[in-house]
Protein backbone atom coordinates (compact mmCIF):
# COMPACT_ATOMS: atom_id res chain seq x y z
CA MET A 1 62.13 105.73 109.77
CA ILE A 2 65.83 106.55 110.36
CA LYS A 3 67.97 103.53 111.19
CA CYS A 4 69.22 103.63 114.77
CA ASP A 5 69.60 101.80 118.06
CA ILE A 6 69.07 104.15 121.00
CA LYS A 7 67.43 103.95 124.38
CA ASP A 8 64.36 106.14 123.99
CA LYS A 9 63.31 108.70 121.38
CA SER A 10 61.11 110.51 123.89
CA LEU A 11 64.27 111.87 125.52
CA ALA A 12 64.98 113.97 122.44
CA PRO A 13 63.54 117.36 123.70
CA ARG A 14 65.89 117.45 126.69
CA GLY A 15 68.79 116.40 124.52
CA LYS A 16 68.12 119.15 122.00
CA LEU A 17 68.21 121.80 124.65
CA ARG A 18 71.50 120.48 126.00
CA ILE A 19 72.98 120.34 122.47
CA GLU A 20 72.06 123.95 121.93
CA TRP A 21 73.53 124.95 125.24
CA ALA A 22 76.85 123.30 124.31
CA ASP A 23 76.75 124.92 120.89
CA ASN A 24 76.81 128.34 122.60
CA GLN A 25 80.16 127.38 124.09
CA MET A 26 81.63 126.21 120.77
CA PRO A 27 82.16 129.32 118.67
CA VAL A 28 85.05 127.92 116.56
CA LEU A 29 83.01 124.89 115.45
CA LYS A 30 80.07 127.16 114.79
CA LEU A 31 82.17 129.25 112.38
CA ILE A 32 83.35 126.13 110.63
CA ARG A 33 79.78 124.89 110.33
CA GLU A 34 78.71 128.18 108.76
CA ARG A 35 81.41 127.81 106.11
CA PHE A 36 80.56 124.12 105.62
CA ILE A 37 76.92 125.00 104.98
CA LYS A 38 78.03 127.20 102.12
CA GLU A 39 80.87 125.22 100.66
CA LYS A 40 79.79 121.54 101.27
CA PRO A 41 83.39 120.26 101.39
CA LEU A 42 82.20 116.81 102.51
CA LYS A 43 79.43 116.45 99.95
CA GLY A 44 78.59 112.79 99.34
CA ILE A 45 81.19 111.49 101.75
CA LYS A 46 80.04 108.63 103.94
CA MET A 47 81.40 108.93 107.44
CA SER A 48 81.33 106.45 110.35
CA CYS A 49 82.19 108.08 113.60
CA CYS A 50 82.99 106.12 116.78
CA LEU A 51 82.94 108.77 119.48
CA HIS A 52 81.61 109.53 122.94
CA ILE A 53 77.95 110.46 122.33
CA THR A 54 77.82 113.78 124.16
CA THR A 55 76.42 117.23 123.50
CA GLU A 56 79.75 118.33 122.06
CA THR A 57 79.92 115.37 119.75
CA ALA A 58 76.43 116.19 118.57
CA ASN A 59 77.59 119.60 117.41
CA LEU A 60 80.50 117.96 115.54
CA ALA A 61 78.08 115.56 113.84
CA ARG A 62 75.84 118.46 112.91
CA THR A 63 78.81 120.21 111.42
CA LEU A 64 79.86 117.21 109.38
CA LYS A 65 76.33 116.72 108.11
CA ASP A 66 75.99 120.47 107.20
CA GLY A 67 79.23 120.00 105.28
CA GLY A 68 77.48 117.46 103.10
CA ALA A 69 78.63 114.25 104.80
CA ASP A 70 76.41 111.17 105.25
CA VAL A 71 77.18 110.57 108.97
CA VAL A 72 76.41 107.71 111.32
CA LEU A 73 77.56 107.55 114.96
CA CYS A 74 78.33 104.78 117.42
CA ALA A 75 79.67 104.98 120.96
CA SER A 76 83.37 104.62 121.72
CA ASN A 77 82.66 103.55 125.24
CA PRO A 78 79.75 101.63 126.78
CA LEU A 79 79.20 104.09 129.60
CA SER A 80 79.81 107.45 127.99
CA THR A 81 76.67 107.79 125.92
CA GLN A 82 74.18 110.52 126.91
CA ASP A 83 70.89 108.89 125.91
CA ASP A 84 68.98 112.18 125.55
CA VAL A 85 71.63 113.46 123.08
CA ALA A 86 71.49 110.20 121.07
CA ALA A 87 67.74 110.54 120.87
CA SER A 88 67.93 114.20 119.71
CA LEU A 89 70.51 113.44 117.03
CA VAL A 90 68.09 110.87 115.54
CA VAL A 91 64.87 112.78 116.00
CA ASP A 92 65.90 116.42 115.56
CA TYR A 93 68.88 116.18 113.26
CA GLY A 94 68.28 112.99 111.29
CA ILE A 95 71.64 111.47 112.15
CA PRO A 96 71.65 107.67 112.74
CA VAL A 97 73.08 106.70 116.13
CA PHE A 98 73.91 103.29 117.55
CA ALA A 99 74.58 103.81 121.25
CA ILE A 100 72.92 103.11 124.60
CA LYS A 101 74.44 104.04 127.91
CA GLY A 102 75.45 100.90 129.80
CA GLU A 103 75.32 98.62 126.76
CA ASP A 104 76.96 95.26 127.25
CA ARG A 105 80.01 94.10 125.29
CA ASP A 106 77.99 92.26 122.67
CA THR A 107 75.81 95.31 121.97
CA TYR A 108 78.85 97.55 121.90
CA TYR A 109 80.40 95.48 119.12
CA LYS A 110 77.08 95.15 117.35
CA HIS A 111 76.95 98.88 117.15
CA LEU A 112 80.46 99.08 115.83
CA ILE A 113 79.50 96.70 113.09
CA SER A 114 76.46 98.80 112.29
CA ALA A 115 78.82 101.71 111.72
CA ILE A 116 81.09 99.61 109.54
CA MET A 117 78.08 98.46 107.47
CA HIS A 118 77.55 102.10 106.54
CA GLU A 119 80.57 101.49 104.27
CA PRO A 120 82.44 104.70 105.18
CA VAL A 121 84.80 106.66 102.97
CA ILE A 122 86.19 108.38 106.11
CA THR A 123 86.33 107.00 109.65
CA MET A 124 86.45 109.12 112.82
CA ASP A 125 87.59 107.33 115.92
CA ASP A 126 88.14 107.83 119.64
CA GLY A 127 90.28 104.90 120.76
CA ALA A 128 90.68 103.17 117.37
CA ASP A 129 88.07 100.47 118.08
CA LEU A 130 86.29 101.15 114.82
CA VAL A 131 89.48 101.15 112.73
CA GLY A 132 90.77 98.09 114.55
CA LEU A 133 87.60 96.09 113.94
CA LEU A 134 87.43 97.26 110.37
CA HIS A 135 91.00 95.96 109.73
CA LYS A 136 90.50 92.76 111.70
CA ASP A 137 87.19 91.35 110.50
CA TYR A 138 86.04 93.35 107.51
CA SER A 139 89.19 94.05 105.48
CA GLN A 140 88.06 92.23 102.37
CA THR A 141 84.87 94.10 101.76
CA HIS A 142 84.42 97.33 103.70
CA LEU A 143 87.97 98.66 103.57
CA ARG A 144 87.95 99.20 99.87
CA ASN A 145 86.05 102.46 100.00
CA VAL A 146 87.96 104.05 102.91
CA ILE A 147 90.30 106.83 101.87
CA GLY A 148 91.37 107.83 105.38
CA GLY A 149 90.37 108.59 108.91
CA THR A 150 90.93 110.70 112.00
CA GLU A 151 91.69 109.72 115.60
CA GLU A 152 90.83 111.68 118.69
CA THR A 153 92.74 110.31 121.64
CA THR A 154 96.15 109.30 122.91
CA THR A 155 95.20 105.60 123.32
CA GLY A 156 93.98 105.43 119.78
CA VAL A 157 97.09 107.09 118.35
CA ILE A 158 99.29 104.54 120.20
CA ARG A 159 97.29 101.66 118.66
CA LEU A 160 97.39 103.16 115.19
CA LYS A 161 101.10 103.87 115.25
CA SER A 162 101.59 100.23 116.23
CA MET A 163 99.53 99.23 113.19
CA GLU A 164 101.67 101.53 111.04
CA LYS A 165 104.84 100.06 112.42
CA ASP A 166 103.61 96.50 111.60
CA LYS A 167 102.52 97.74 108.09
CA ALA A 168 99.04 96.64 108.96
CA LEU A 169 97.40 100.03 108.49
CA ARG A 170 95.47 100.17 105.24
CA PHE A 171 94.70 103.94 104.99
CA PRO A 172 96.09 107.19 106.29
CA ILE A 173 94.97 108.53 109.67
CA ILE A 174 95.18 112.09 110.92
CA ALA A 175 96.09 112.04 114.65
CA VAL A 176 93.92 114.83 115.92
CA ASN A 177 95.26 114.19 119.44
CA GLU A 178 98.74 115.41 118.35
CA SER A 179 97.39 118.91 117.49
CA ASP A 180 98.49 121.54 120.02
CA THR A 181 94.98 122.92 120.11
CA LYS A 182 93.78 119.48 121.19
CA HIS A 183 96.18 117.91 123.71
CA LEU A 184 97.38 121.10 125.38
CA PHE A 185 93.82 122.06 126.26
CA ASP A 186 91.43 119.12 125.94
CA ASN A 187 93.73 116.60 127.62
CA ARG A 188 95.03 118.96 130.31
CA TYR A 189 92.17 121.36 131.20
CA GLY A 190 89.31 119.20 130.02
CA THR A 191 90.40 115.93 131.63
CA GLY A 192 91.50 117.71 134.77
CA GLN A 193 88.19 119.40 135.43
CA SER A 194 85.89 116.60 134.19
CA THR A 195 87.68 113.86 136.11
CA VAL A 196 87.31 115.75 139.40
CA ASP A 197 83.70 116.39 138.40
CA GLY A 198 83.05 112.67 137.85
CA LEU A 199 84.77 111.80 141.16
CA LEU A 200 82.65 114.29 143.05
CA ARG A 201 79.32 113.26 141.35
CA ALA A 202 80.03 109.60 142.04
CA THR A 203 81.17 109.91 145.66
CA ASN A 204 80.39 113.39 147.08
CA ILE A 205 83.54 113.20 149.07
CA LEU A 206 85.70 116.16 150.28
CA ILE A 207 88.93 116.22 148.31
CA CYS A 208 90.98 118.56 150.45
CA GLY A 209 93.33 116.80 152.83
CA LYS A 210 93.10 113.51 150.93
CA VAL A 211 96.20 111.66 149.63
CA PHE A 212 95.33 111.83 145.90
CA VAL A 213 97.44 109.62 143.60
CA VAL A 214 97.65 110.41 139.88
CA ALA A 215 99.17 107.45 137.92
CA GLY A 216 100.71 108.94 134.82
CA TYR A 217 101.94 112.49 134.22
CA GLY A 218 101.17 112.96 130.53
CA TRP A 219 98.90 115.89 129.53
CA CYS A 220 95.85 114.23 131.12
CA GLY A 221 97.73 113.43 134.31
CA LYS A 222 99.03 116.98 134.53
CA GLY A 223 95.48 118.22 134.36
CA VAL A 224 94.17 115.89 137.00
CA ALA A 225 97.09 116.61 139.35
CA MET A 226 96.68 120.35 138.89
CA ARG A 227 92.93 120.36 139.65
CA ALA A 228 93.32 118.01 142.67
CA LYS A 229 96.06 120.21 144.10
CA GLY A 230 93.85 123.28 143.61
CA MET A 231 91.15 121.60 145.64
CA GLY A 232 93.50 121.01 148.61
CA ALA A 233 94.59 117.39 147.95
CA ASP A 234 98.01 116.06 148.91
CA VAL A 235 98.89 114.93 145.33
CA VAL A 236 101.37 112.12 144.65
CA VAL A 237 102.36 111.30 141.06
CA THR A 238 103.55 107.87 139.96
CA GLU A 239 105.41 107.46 136.68
CA VAL A 240 107.57 105.09 134.56
CA ASP A 241 109.08 107.88 132.40
CA PRO A 242 111.99 109.61 134.16
CA ILE A 243 111.53 112.92 132.37
CA ARG A 244 107.84 113.13 133.26
CA ALA A 245 108.64 112.13 136.78
CA LEU A 246 111.22 114.89 137.05
CA GLU A 247 108.74 117.33 135.59
CA ALA A 248 106.16 116.33 138.20
CA ALA A 249 108.67 116.81 140.98
CA MET A 250 109.61 120.26 139.73
CA ASP A 251 105.88 121.10 139.45
CA GLY A 252 105.71 120.64 143.19
CA PHE A 253 104.32 117.08 143.45
CA ARG A 254 105.65 114.18 145.39
CA VAL A 255 106.76 111.39 143.08
CA MET A 256 106.71 107.82 144.40
CA LYS A 257 106.34 104.22 143.31
CA LEU A 258 102.69 103.16 143.38
CA GLU A 259 103.32 100.32 145.83
CA GLN A 260 104.97 102.89 148.23
CA VAL A 261 101.98 105.18 148.30
CA MET A 262 99.12 102.63 148.15
CA PRO A 263 99.05 102.03 151.99
CA TYR A 264 98.30 105.76 152.40
CA ALA A 265 96.30 106.60 149.31
CA ASP A 266 92.70 107.81 149.71
CA ILE A 267 92.11 108.21 146.01
CA VAL A 268 93.95 106.67 143.00
CA ILE A 269 93.21 107.89 139.49
CA THR A 270 94.91 106.19 136.50
CA VAL A 271 95.59 108.15 133.29
CA THR A 272 98.25 106.18 131.46
CA GLY A 273 96.65 104.27 128.62
CA ASN A 274 98.49 101.13 129.83
CA LEU A 275 97.55 97.72 131.21
CA ASN A 276 97.12 96.76 134.92
CA VAL A 277 98.66 99.95 136.25
CA VAL A 278 96.81 99.21 139.53
CA ASP A 279 97.68 95.48 139.77
CA GLU A 280 97.07 92.76 142.29
CA LYS A 281 100.12 93.68 144.35
CA HIS A 282 98.86 97.22 144.67
CA LEU A 283 95.34 96.14 145.61
CA LYS A 284 96.70 94.02 148.43
CA LEU A 285 98.48 97.09 149.86
CA ALA A 286 95.56 99.46 149.59
CA LYS A 287 94.30 101.13 152.76
CA ASN A 288 90.81 100.51 153.93
CA GLY A 289 88.34 102.76 152.05
CA CYS A 290 90.63 103.53 149.12
CA ILE A 291 88.79 104.83 146.03
CA ILE A 292 90.17 103.73 142.72
CA ALA A 293 89.14 105.12 139.34
CA ASN A 294 90.39 105.57 135.78
CA SER A 295 90.27 108.38 133.20
CA GLY A 296 92.23 106.59 130.56
CA HIS A 297 90.34 105.35 127.50
CA PHE A 298 89.92 101.62 128.34
CA ASN A 299 89.14 99.96 131.61
CA ASP A 300 92.35 97.90 131.37
CA GLU A 301 94.37 100.22 133.67
CA ILE A 302 92.85 98.67 136.82
CA ASN A 303 93.18 94.91 137.19
CA ILE A 304 89.51 94.33 137.94
CA ALA A 305 89.83 90.54 137.59
CA ALA A 306 92.44 90.55 140.39
CA LEU A 307 90.12 92.77 142.51
CA GLU A 308 87.35 90.28 142.00
CA LYS A 309 89.61 87.41 143.00
CA LEU A 310 90.73 89.16 146.16
CA SER A 311 87.26 90.03 147.28
CA LEU A 312 84.82 88.06 149.41
CA SER A 313 81.87 90.18 148.34
CA LYS A 314 80.84 93.31 146.42
CA ARG A 315 77.86 95.60 146.32
CA THR A 316 76.81 98.76 144.57
CA VAL A 317 76.63 101.46 147.22
CA ARG A 318 75.98 104.50 144.93
CA ASP A 319 75.58 105.08 141.24
CA PHE A 320 78.96 104.22 139.69
CA VAL A 321 80.44 103.08 143.03
CA VAL A 322 81.02 99.39 143.74
CA GLU A 323 82.30 98.40 147.19
CA TYR A 324 84.64 95.42 147.25
CA THR A 325 85.25 93.70 150.61
CA LEU A 326 88.60 91.92 150.60
CA SER A 327 89.50 88.79 152.52
CA ASN A 328 91.46 90.97 155.06
CA SER A 329 88.15 92.86 155.68
CA LYS A 330 89.44 96.02 153.96
CA LYS A 331 87.10 97.74 151.58
CA ILE A 332 88.04 99.17 148.13
CA PHE A 333 85.67 101.34 146.13
CA LEU A 334 85.85 101.02 142.30
CA LEU A 335 84.23 103.86 140.38
CA ALA A 336 82.40 103.42 137.02
CA ASP A 337 83.58 99.88 136.38
CA GLY A 338 87.10 101.24 135.79
CA ARG A 339 85.93 103.07 132.68
CA LEU A 340 86.44 106.78 131.91
CA LEU A 341 85.29 108.40 135.10
CA ASN A 342 84.84 111.81 133.50
CA LEU A 343 82.44 110.51 130.94
CA SER A 344 80.76 107.68 132.84
CA ALA A 345 79.94 109.55 136.01
CA ALA A 346 79.91 113.08 134.60
CA GLU A 347 79.41 114.78 131.24
CA GLY A 348 82.93 114.76 129.88
CA HIS A 349 84.99 117.81 128.97
CA PRO A 350 83.38 121.29 128.99
CA ALA A 351 82.18 122.34 125.59
CA ILE A 352 84.50 125.32 125.38
CA VAL A 353 87.50 122.94 125.42
CA MET A 354 85.94 120.38 123.03
CA ASP A 355 85.33 123.30 120.65
CA MET A 356 88.99 123.15 119.58
CA SER A 357 89.25 119.38 119.58
CA PHE A 358 86.21 118.98 117.32
CA ALA A 359 87.29 121.88 115.12
CA ASN A 360 90.38 119.76 114.50
CA GLN A 361 88.17 116.76 113.72
CA ALA A 362 86.03 118.69 111.22
CA LEU A 363 88.96 120.32 109.51
CA GLY A 364 90.86 117.06 109.58
CA ALA A 365 88.10 115.36 107.66
CA GLU A 366 88.04 118.17 105.15
CA TYR A 367 91.84 117.89 104.72
CA MET A 368 91.58 114.12 104.25
CA VAL A 369 89.04 114.55 101.45
CA LYS A 370 91.34 116.95 99.66
CA ASN A 371 94.63 115.21 100.26
CA ALA A 372 94.13 111.48 100.92
CA LYS A 373 95.21 110.50 97.42
CA ASN A 374 98.68 111.88 98.11
CA MET A 375 99.04 110.36 101.55
CA GLU A 376 100.64 107.07 102.54
CA ASN A 377 99.16 104.52 104.98
CA LYS A 378 100.62 106.30 107.99
CA VAL A 379 99.58 108.31 111.00
CA TYR A 380 99.88 112.05 110.30
CA VAL A 381 99.77 115.17 112.42
CA ILE A 382 97.31 117.77 111.29
CA PRO A 383 99.07 120.56 109.35
CA LYS A 384 100.44 123.35 111.54
CA GLU A 385 98.54 126.05 109.68
CA ILE A 386 95.25 124.41 110.50
CA ASP A 387 96.29 124.10 114.16
CA MET A 388 97.25 127.80 114.24
CA GLU A 389 94.07 128.89 112.55
CA ILE A 390 91.97 127.14 115.16
CA ALA A 391 93.92 128.91 117.90
CA ARG A 392 93.38 132.27 116.16
CA LEU A 393 89.65 131.65 115.84
CA LYS A 394 89.46 130.69 119.56
CA LEU A 395 91.33 133.81 120.62
CA ASN A 396 88.99 135.95 118.52
CA SER A 397 85.97 134.34 120.20
CA MET A 398 87.48 135.23 123.54
CA ASN A 399 88.12 138.88 122.51
CA ILE A 400 91.87 138.33 122.94
CA ALA A 401 94.26 140.20 120.62
CA ILE A 402 97.91 139.21 120.01
CA ASP A 403 100.82 141.05 118.34
CA ASP A 404 102.00 140.49 114.81
CA LEU A 405 105.65 140.13 113.83
CA THR A 406 107.04 143.03 111.88
CA ASP A 407 108.83 142.43 108.57
CA GLU A 408 112.07 143.30 110.37
CA GLN A 409 111.39 140.72 113.11
CA ILE A 410 110.54 138.06 110.50
CA LYS A 411 113.74 138.77 108.68
CA TYR A 412 115.71 138.67 111.91
CA LEU A 413 114.23 135.32 112.99
CA SER A 414 114.87 133.74 109.60
CA SER A 415 118.51 134.81 109.31
CA TRP A 416 121.43 132.70 110.45
CA GLN A 417 123.33 135.89 110.93
CA SER A 418 121.04 137.15 113.64
CA GLY A 419 122.56 138.30 116.89
CA THR A 420 125.62 140.28 117.80
């Protein structure tokens, strides 16, 4: 029997159908999988992958296994696991999974340890929890076989660059998040749509006419703000970066301090990757009925401990919606325990967007196998030629043709004597 820890194997049939549905929206990854089946570039490579267990991740795992890898999966967030998908990966595809939606903190870390005990040669992370734990508690034994890893998300890249700066990183990492075919599309279009999807599934509110605050105007914040505006919200952006704040203003959004807008905000969504973005002082200013949620990787962006301290009582009023009654009788609604709203209360990014992100992951792993011996213990960007090839494959799948530079144009662009 395959080693795993999942909720219920009987959920597998539904999960398999959903995996197949997503696969139909992931043509680039499918092309990579077809090549991997023939070439086996990952043959014999043990891989431990700490990712959101979704239908799209399932198709990445299938691709890695078809490339010859010995793959195990664990969840990168306690609320993002789709239990039917986890079951299908185990039952239908023979891939060990350690993930249960709603698992507590102890179980979450037990599952991370299970992935580490696989003794990976390559790690694949979303948030750097696997790499962080591997370095912290298992460096003497399980690090010796690791040649490199890949990282999916902004939060993880920040953590890994900090490790590199402190000279604590023990193997090279490819920052998939830095690829243009990842952050320009996954972070912006994927996060934008899926966050609004999670908000609506959790609350069933009408967005138009609401004062909708987006904390952070990185690529994820841009996507959330754009989608909220498209649905008729009065969008306000809060920022600490003057250039991003200026960009938000020129994109047509009001830019304010969070404490200025909290008394008027109907909805507050954090997408910063930072700590206590919505802090005690903001919670005290919140209007009655304010909805607060997060689409950043960790649930640190909202000071939940402060919210608990300020509250006289709390109760769950809908799935993923907890009502806090403050001492001043105001009510604040926290969604999905402050965790990723788009994956906790919805299904995450659409498959057509994750197609490019996970193409980067698959090709990043292949690149690491071929090149790790020549790489330092640093965080790297995936080579531009791989990024461009993924874009070309995606355009082909969409039946979109682009022009080619002529020899004359190439010569012109490469010459310092160009111009009049």
